[in-house]
Protein backbone atom coordinates (compact mmCIF):
# COMPACT_ATOMS: atom_id res chain seq x y z
CA PHE A 1 -98.60 15.13 15.74
CA ALA A 2 -97.82 13.38 12.45
CA TRP A 3 -94.07 13.81 12.72
CA THR A 4 -91.43 11.70 11.02
CA ALA A 5 -87.86 12.64 11.95
CA ASN A 6 -87.81 16.44 11.55
CA ALA A 7 -90.76 16.90 9.21
CA PHE A 8 -94.51 16.54 9.21
CA SER A 9 -95.67 13.32 7.59
CA GLN A 10 -99.31 14.30 7.10
CA ASN A 11 -100.52 15.06 3.60
CA VAL A 12 -101.13 18.51 2.20
CA GLY A 13 -104.87 19.15 2.26
CA ALA A 14 -105.25 22.49 0.50
CA ALA A 15 -103.37 25.46 -0.95
CA GLU A 16 -104.37 29.05 -1.65
CA TYR A 17 -103.02 32.33 -2.93
CA TYR A 18 -103.64 36.00 -2.09
CA VAL A 19 -103.07 38.97 -4.39
CA ASP A 20 -101.23 41.83 -2.66
CA THR A 21 -103.00 41.43 0.70
CA PRO A 22 -102.30 38.39 2.92
CA PRO A 23 -104.97 37.21 5.39
CA MET A 24 -103.35 38.90 8.38
CA ALA A 25 -104.05 42.20 6.60
CA GLY A 26 -107.61 41.26 5.62
CA GLY A 27 -106.98 39.60 2.25
CA THR A 28 -109.19 36.88 0.78
CA GLY A 29 -107.62 33.65 -0.41
CA THR A 30 -108.29 31.79 -3.66
CA ALA A 31 -107.94 28.01 -3.79
CA MET A 32 -105.17 26.40 -5.82
CA GLN A 33 -105.38 22.95 -7.36
CA PRO A 34 -102.93 20.03 -7.16
CA ILE A 35 -101.07 19.49 -10.42
CA ASP A 36 -101.63 15.75 -10.25
CA GLY A 37 -105.33 16.21 -9.49
CA THR A 38 -105.33 15.02 -5.88
CA PHE A 39 -103.94 16.22 -2.56
CA ASN A 40 -102.46 12.92 -1.39
CA SER A 41 -98.84 13.58 -0.46
CA PRO A 42 -96.83 15.48 2.20
CA THR A 43 -95.48 17.66 -0.63
CA GLU A 44 -97.58 18.78 -3.57
CA GLY A 45 -97.18 20.80 -6.73
CA VAL A 46 -100.04 23.27 -7.01
CA GLN A 47 -101.29 25.62 -9.71
CA ALA A 48 -103.80 28.36 -10.39
CA THR A 49 -104.75 30.77 -13.14
CA ILE A 50 -104.86 34.42 -12.14
CA ASP A 51 -107.06 36.77 -14.16
CA THR A 52 -105.01 39.95 -14.42
CA GLY A 53 -107.87 41.90 -16.00
CA PRO A 54 -109.06 43.52 -12.73
CA LEU A 55 -105.50 44.29 -11.60
CA SER A 56 -103.82 47.64 -12.08
CA VAL A 57 -100.76 47.95 -14.28
CA GLY A 58 -97.64 47.53 -12.19
CA ARG A 59 -96.10 45.12 -9.70
CA HIS A 60 -98.23 42.90 -7.49
CA ILE A 61 -97.28 40.32 -4.87
CA ILE A 62 -98.80 36.85 -4.87
CA PHE A 63 -98.73 35.26 -1.40
CA ILE A 64 -99.02 31.45 -1.39
CA ARG A 65 -99.47 28.94 1.41
CA GLY A 66 -100.51 25.34 1.98
CA ARG A 67 -102.47 23.56 4.71
CA GLY A 68 -102.13 20.12 6.23
CA ALA A 69 -104.94 17.60 5.82
CA ASN A 70 -105.37 17.30 9.61
CA ASP A 71 -106.22 19.94 12.18
CA PHE A 72 -104.20 20.40 15.35
CA SER A 73 -105.98 21.17 18.64
CA GLY A 74 -108.97 22.42 16.67
CA TYR A 75 -106.94 24.72 14.40
CA GLN A 76 -106.28 24.34 10.70
CA THR A 77 -102.59 23.70 10.07
CA TRP A 78 -101.74 26.41 7.58
CA GLY A 79 -98.07 26.70 6.70
CA ALA A 80 -95.88 29.76 6.26
CA PHE A 81 -96.23 32.04 3.24
CA SER A 82 -94.03 32.22 0.20
CA ALA A 83 -94.37 34.97 -2.37
CA VAL A 84 -93.72 35.74 -6.02
CA PHE A 85 -93.98 38.93 -8.04
CA LEU A 86 -96.66 39.41 -10.67
CA ASP A 87 -95.96 42.28 -13.08
CA VAL A 88 -98.98 43.50 -15.04
CA THR A 89 -98.13 45.51 -18.13
CA SER A 90 -100.35 47.34 -20.59
CA ASN A 91 -100.90 45.96 -24.08
CA GLY A 92 -101.01 48.98 -26.36
CA GLY A 93 -103.22 50.91 -23.95
CA SER A 94 -104.30 51.21 -20.37
CA THR A 95 -105.97 47.80 -20.08
CA PRO A 96 -103.86 45.17 -18.29
CA THR A 97 -103.11 42.06 -20.32
CA PRO A 98 -104.81 38.91 -18.98
CA THR A 99 -102.50 35.92 -18.74
CA ASP A 100 -103.73 32.37 -18.47
CA THR A 101 -100.45 30.52 -18.91
CA PRO A 102 -99.15 28.77 -15.80
CA THR A 103 -95.47 29.45 -15.17
CA GLN A 104 -93.52 26.94 -13.17
CA VAL A 105 -91.55 28.27 -10.22
CA ALA A 106 -89.30 25.94 -8.26
CA THR A 107 -88.89 25.86 -4.49
CA ASN A 108 -85.57 25.12 -2.90
CA THR A 109 -85.62 26.49 0.63
CA GLU A 110 -82.55 25.44 2.59
CA THR A 111 -83.75 26.87 5.90
CA ALA A 112 -86.18 24.83 7.99
CA VAL A 113 -89.53 26.57 7.97
CA PRO A 114 -91.52 26.88 11.19
CA THR A 115 -95.20 26.05 10.88
CA ASN A 116 -97.58 23.26 11.72
CA THR A 117 -97.56 21.41 8.41
CA ALA A 118 -95.46 20.42 5.45
CA VAL A 119 -96.62 22.53 2.56
CA ALA A 120 -95.87 23.02 -1.10
CA THR A 121 -94.94 26.64 -1.76
CA ALA A 122 -94.24 28.57 -4.91
CA THR A 123 -90.92 30.30 -4.31
CA GLY A 124 -87.62 29.86 -2.55
CA THR A 125 -88.51 32.54 -0.01
CA PRO A 126 -87.41 31.49 3.48
CA PRO A 127 -90.31 32.05 5.93
CA THR A 128 -89.86 33.36 9.46
CA ALA A 129 -88.44 31.02 12.07
CA THR A 130 -90.61 30.65 15.16
CA ASP A 131 -91.06 27.28 16.82
CA THR A 132 -91.19 24.13 14.65
CA ALA A 133 -89.79 23.01 11.35
CA VAL A 134 -91.17 21.81 8.04
CA VAL A 135 -89.62 20.74 4.78
CA THR A 136 -90.41 22.79 1.67
CA ASN A 137 -88.26 21.54 -1.16
CA THR A 138 -90.65 20.68 -3.98
CA PRO A 139 -91.35 22.19 -7.36
CA THR A 140 -94.64 24.01 -7.44
CA GLU A 141 -96.59 25.93 -9.95
CA THR A 142 -98.25 29.33 -9.92
CA VAL A 143 -99.20 31.96 -12.43
CA THR A 144 -97.50 35.20 -13.25
CA GLY A 145 -98.24 37.74 -15.95
CA THR A 146 -94.55 38.33 -16.59
CA PRO A 147 -91.31 37.06 -15.04
CA PRO A 148 -90.82 38.38 -11.47
CA THR A 149 -88.74 41.39 -12.43
CA ALA A 150 -89.77 44.99 -12.79
CA THR A 151 -90.35 46.54 -16.19
CA GLU A 152 -89.36 50.19 -16.07
CA THR A 153 -89.49 53.13 -18.45
CA ALA A 154 -86.93 55.91 -18.21
CA THR A 155 -88.45 59.12 -16.88
CA ALA A 156 -87.20 62.62 -16.33
CA CYS A 157 -85.18 62.88 -13.13
CA THR A 158 -83.41 65.93 -11.76
CA LEU A 159 -81.72 64.13 -8.88
CA SER A 160 -77.94 63.76 -8.84
CA PHE A 161 -75.20 63.19 -6.26
CA GLU A 162 -72.02 65.21 -6.08
CA ASP A 163 -69.89 62.12 -5.37
CA VAL A 164 -71.48 59.87 -8.03
CA PRO A 165 -70.47 61.45 -11.35
CA VAL A 166 -71.73 60.24 -14.71
CA GLY A 167 -69.54 57.36 -15.86
CA SER A 168 -68.48 56.21 -12.39
CA THR A 169 -68.80 52.54 -11.49
CA PHE A 170 -72.11 52.66 -9.67
CA TYR A 171 -73.68 55.69 -11.37
CA PRO A 172 -76.42 53.95 -13.41
CA TYR A 173 -77.50 51.74 -10.50
CA ILE A 174 -77.59 54.54 -7.94
CA GLN A 175 -79.50 56.82 -10.32
CA CYS A 176 -81.90 54.01 -11.19
CA LEU A 177 -82.83 53.51 -7.53
CA ALA A 178 -82.64 57.13 -6.43
CA CYS A 179 -84.96 58.34 -9.19
CA ARG A 180 -87.50 55.77 -8.05
CA GLY A 181 -87.35 56.96 -4.45
CA ILE A 182 -85.72 53.76 -3.21
CA ILE A 183 -82.50 55.36 -1.93
CA ASN A 184 -81.38 58.85 -1.02
CA GLY A 185 -78.30 60.67 0.17
CA TYR A 186 -76.94 63.22 2.62
CA PRO A 187 -77.17 67.03 2.38
CA CYS A 188 -74.00 68.76 1.23
CA GLY A 189 -72.08 71.05 3.53
CA GLY A 190 -70.68 68.56 5.98
CA THR A 191 -66.99 67.89 6.62
CA GLY A 192 -65.29 67.08 3.32
CA GLU A 193 -68.55 67.42 1.41
CA PRO A 194 -68.72 71.00 0.11
CA CYS A 195 -71.80 72.19 -1.75
CA ASN A 196 -71.66 72.71 -5.50
CA PRO A 197 -73.64 75.48 -7.27
CA THR A 198 -76.78 73.30 -7.31
CA ASN A 199 -76.34 71.99 -3.74
CA ASP A 200 -76.41 68.34 -4.84
CA PRO A 201 -76.40 65.85 -1.97
CA TYR A 202 -73.76 63.17 -1.40
CA PHE A 203 -74.43 59.44 -1.64
CA ARG A 204 -71.17 58.10 -0.12
CA PRO A 205 -71.03 55.01 -2.37
CA GLY A 206 -67.88 53.71 -0.69
CA ASN A 207 -69.39 53.72 2.80
CA ASN A 208 -70.57 50.46 4.31
CA VAL A 209 -74.31 49.84 4.24
CA THR A 210 -75.95 48.91 7.54
CA ARG A 211 -78.55 46.24 8.18
CA GLY A 212 -81.16 48.91 8.72
CA GLN A 213 -80.28 50.78 5.55
CA PHE A 214 -80.33 47.65 3.46
CA ALA A 215 -83.66 46.59 4.94
CA LYS A 216 -85.07 49.87 3.61
CA ILE A 217 -83.49 49.43 0.17
CA ALA A 218 -84.65 45.81 -0.12
CA SER A 219 -88.18 46.43 1.13
CA ASN A 220 -88.69 49.43 -1.15
CA SER A 221 -87.29 47.58 -4.17
CA ALA A 222 -89.67 44.70 -3.56
CA GLY A 223 -92.58 47.13 -3.32
CA PHE A 224 -93.64 46.23 0.22
CA ASN A 225 -95.74 48.95 1.82
CA GLU A 226 -98.12 47.36 4.34
CA PRO A 227 -98.52 49.20 7.66
CA PRO A 228 -96.14 47.82 10.31
CA GLY A 229 -97.48 46.01 13.34
CA ALA A 230 -96.20 45.30 16.82
CA GLN A 231 -92.56 45.63 17.82
CA GLN A 232 -90.44 42.65 16.79
CA TYR A 233 -86.95 43.59 18.04
CA GLU A 234 -85.67 45.09 21.27
CA ASP A 235 -83.43 47.55 19.40
CA VAL A 236 -85.87 48.57 16.64
CA LEU A 237 -88.41 50.83 18.27
CA PRO A 238 -91.74 51.79 16.68
CA GLY A 239 -91.33 55.05 14.81
CA SER A 240 -87.56 54.69 14.38
CA SER A 241 -85.98 55.27 10.95
CA PHE A 242 -86.02 51.70 9.70
CA TYR A 243 -88.86 50.27 11.79
CA ALA A 244 -91.40 49.82 8.98
CA TYR A 245 -88.91 48.30 6.53
CA ILE A 246 -87.43 45.85 9.02
CA TRP A 247 -90.93 44.94 10.20
CA ARG A 248 -92.09 44.14 6.67
CA LEU A 249 -89.11 41.95 5.84
CA THR A 250 -89.32 40.16 9.18
CA ASN A 251 -93.06 39.65 8.90
CA LEU A 252 -92.59 37.91 5.54
CA GLY A 253 -89.64 35.85 6.76
CA PHE A 254 -86.83 37.50 4.81
CA VAL A 255 -84.76 38.66 7.79
CA ASN A 256 -84.41 37.74 11.44
CA GLY A 257 -82.33 38.75 14.43
CA TYR A 258 -80.24 37.55 17.36
CA LEU A 259 -81.43 36.13 20.67
CA CYS A 260 -81.36 38.55 23.58
CA GLY A 261 -79.09 37.94 26.52
CA GLY A 262 -75.72 38.49 24.86
CA VAL A 263 -73.17 41.15 25.80
CA GLY A 264 -74.86 44.54 25.72
CA GLU A 265 -78.15 43.03 24.62
CA PRO A 266 -80.16 42.35 27.78
CA CYS A 267 -83.55 40.67 27.54
CA GLY A 268 -86.55 42.93 27.97
CA PRO A 269 -89.97 42.02 29.37
CA ASN A 270 -90.93 40.14 26.20
CA ASN A 271 -87.53 38.58 25.44
CA LEU A 272 -87.50 40.16 22.00
CA PRO A 273 -84.46 39.43 19.83
CA TYR A 274 -82.07 42.13 18.60
CA PHE A 275 -81.78 43.13 14.94
CA ARG A 276 -78.65 45.31 15.19
CA PRO A 277 -79.82 47.83 12.57
CA ASN A 278 -76.63 49.90 12.79
CA VAL A 279 -74.29 46.96 12.22
CA ASN A 280 -72.87 46.67 8.72
CA VAL A 281 -74.44 44.04 6.46
CA THR A 282 -72.03 41.56 4.92
CA ARG A 283 -71.84 40.53 1.28
CA GLY A 284 -73.13 37.09 2.22
CA GLN A 285 -76.08 38.41 4.22
CA LEU A 286 -76.97 40.86 1.48
CA SER A 287 -76.92 38.05 -1.09
CA LYS A 288 -79.30 35.93 0.96
CA ILE A 289 -81.83 38.73 1.43
CA ASP A 290 -81.65 39.83 -2.20
CA ALA A 291 -81.94 36.36 -3.74
CA SER A 292 -84.76 35.38 -1.38
CA LEU A 293 -86.76 38.54 -2.10
CA ALA A 294 -86.41 37.93 -5.83
CA GLY A 295 -87.70 34.38 -5.44
CA PHE A 296 -84.58 32.79 -6.93
CA ALA A 297 -84.84 29.16 -5.89
CA GLU A 298 -83.12 26.81 -8.33
CA PRO A 299 -80.74 24.19 -6.88
CA PRO A 300 -77.18 25.53 -6.82
CA GLY A 301 -74.56 24.04 -9.08
CA ALA A 302 -70.79 23.75 -9.02
CA GLN A 303 -68.59 25.88 -6.78
CA GLN A 304 -67.98 29.38 -8.17
CA TYR A 305 -65.75 30.98 -5.52
CA GLU A 306 -62.75 29.75 -3.59
CA ASP A 307 -64.11 31.10 -0.30
CA VAL A 308 -67.77 30.05 -0.71
CA LEU A 309 -67.83 26.30 -0.16
CA PRO A 310 -70.78 24.08 -1.14
CA GLY A 311 -73.07 23.69 1.85
CA SER A 312 -71.90 26.86 3.56
CA THR A 313 -74.49 29.31 4.91
CA PHE A 314 -74.76 31.59 1.90
CA TYR A 315 -73.66 29.19 -0.85
CA ALA A 316 -77.02 28.76 -2.60
CA TYR A 317 -77.92 32.47 -2.52
CA ILE A 318 -74.54 33.61 -3.79
CA TRP A 319 -74.60 30.91 -6.47
CA ARG A 320 -78.01 32.01 -7.74
CA LEU A 321 -77.03 35.67 -8.01
CA SER A 322 -73.67 34.84 -9.61
CA ASN A 323 -75.30 32.47 -12.06
CA ARG A 324 -77.44 35.39 -13.27
CA GLY A 325 -74.50 37.77 -13.50
CA ILE A 326 -75.89 39.97 -10.74
CA ILE A 327 -72.79 39.67 -8.56
CA ASN A 328 -69.18 38.69 -9.07
CA GLY A 329 -65.98 38.38 -7.09
CA TYR A 330 -62.29 39.22 -7.02
CA PRO A 331 -59.51 37.41 -8.93
CA CYS A 332 -57.47 35.01 -6.83
CA GLY A 333 -53.82 35.70 -6.15
CA GLY A 334 -54.15 38.73 -3.90
CA LEU A 335 -52.94 38.98 -0.31
CA GLY A 336 -54.38 36.08 1.66
CA GLU A 337 -56.32 34.82 -1.35
CA PRO A 338 -54.13 32.19 -3.02
CA CYS A 339 -55.27 30.56 -6.24
CA GLY A 340 -56.58 27.02 -5.91
CA PRO A 341 -56.50 24.25 -8.54
CA GLY A 342 -59.34 25.88 -10.50
CA SER A 343 -58.15 29.47 -9.99
CA LEU A 344 -61.59 30.39 -8.75
CA PRO A 345 -62.16 34.01 -7.71
CA TYR A 346 -62.98 35.06 -4.15
CA PHE A 347 -66.34 36.48 -3.10
CA ARG A 348 -65.47 37.63 0.44
CA PRO A 349 -68.87 36.77 1.94
CA GLY A 350 -67.86 38.03 5.37
CA ALA A 351 -66.71 41.43 4.09
CA ASN A 352 -68.93 44.46 4.55
CA ALA A 353 -71.00 45.54 1.56
CA THR A 354 -70.80 49.16 0.45
CA ARG A 355 -73.69 51.43 -0.47
CA GLY A 356 -72.54 51.40 -4.08
CA GLN A 357 -72.31 47.60 -4.22
CA ALA A 358 -75.73 47.22 -2.61
CA SER A 359 -77.24 49.59 -5.16
CA LYS A 360 -75.77 47.64 -8.06
CA ILE A 361 -76.97 44.28 -6.76
CA VAL A 362 -80.49 45.47 -6.02
CA ALA A 363 -80.84 47.38 -9.29
CA ASN A 364 -79.62 44.37 -11.30
CA THR A 365 -82.03 42.09 -9.44
CA PHE A 366 -85.24 44.09 -9.42
CA PHE A 367 -84.73 46.47 -12.35
CA PRO A 368 -82.52 44.49 -14.78
CA THR A 369 -83.46 46.61 -17.80
CA CYS A 370 -83.11 49.86 -15.93
CA SER A 371 -80.89 52.60 -17.28
CA ALA A 372 -80.28 55.79 -15.39
CA PRO A 373 -83.41 57.92 -15.94
CA VAL A 374 -83.02 60.99 -18.13
CA LYS A 375 -81.77 63.91 -16.09
CA LYS A 376 -83.07 67.32 -17.11
């Protein structure tokens, strides 16, 4: 069906966007127009103007998808969704500021996208892998009221952690997220964690962060809150701690799992994959999820780290975060990390990420102007 090599060769026939609610949740799409005036190519730049007047002040999600010109077995060939953030701010009052200026957003998805058509999308968000592949590597255009980052105002916050004192490395990032309800800690009183006079909890910033924990942090930071649907993974049961967060990220294509049938992971009746929510997330995996959620999609440039080679799995995602100063590495010359000709630092993409590191990366990505809220 209109295949050439590993991509659909049919032309894009239409594109549409949804504000906050995709069609699977009952949303209504609005048509987008081709930048060149005609849908006549397998990849198309598309644009639209979004009237922000009816929208509430705050962060919104714009879901975007394209459709092939031809149907398949009687079904329209809609592609997978991409998404961008739209932040609506007030302009001297409570009325949201309408924006009519199109803002160009580039797509540069390295991962093959399963769907039934080649589509032009508006972010670098990797959609969910299911059965077939499509190429989405074309600049597209959409409209946002502000750049896709959150604008925050410091508010009173009484929350603090006994093991994250003011002035410590991760203090402002942990406070920024905790005071927004994105992360939390552990009650005092456990082994090695005595209670202080105000019974402040512990955050354990040096502990590794698990895949389940980071799914919660990432989903909450992105503002996803749709009700979860059917079970996706054999080891993530409905009602379990991280079920809703993992479901949301998986449903939008930001995370995936491992095929069943491996050691200790038998296949169930539906052959669901395994997510391994209690396994630690690596620095490379965290970078991919974070950069994808933020919609960072520009083509990567020159090598930045000795141990992150061009073309490697996480190269583009790490490059994009490093290029923005969101993450950094470790100077070369340490044990097992010799300096190369360019004396590039090491990133250690396979190393486990800590709760403190994850907080810093997420806070810098989604709340770049955030300072620790005022504590009273």
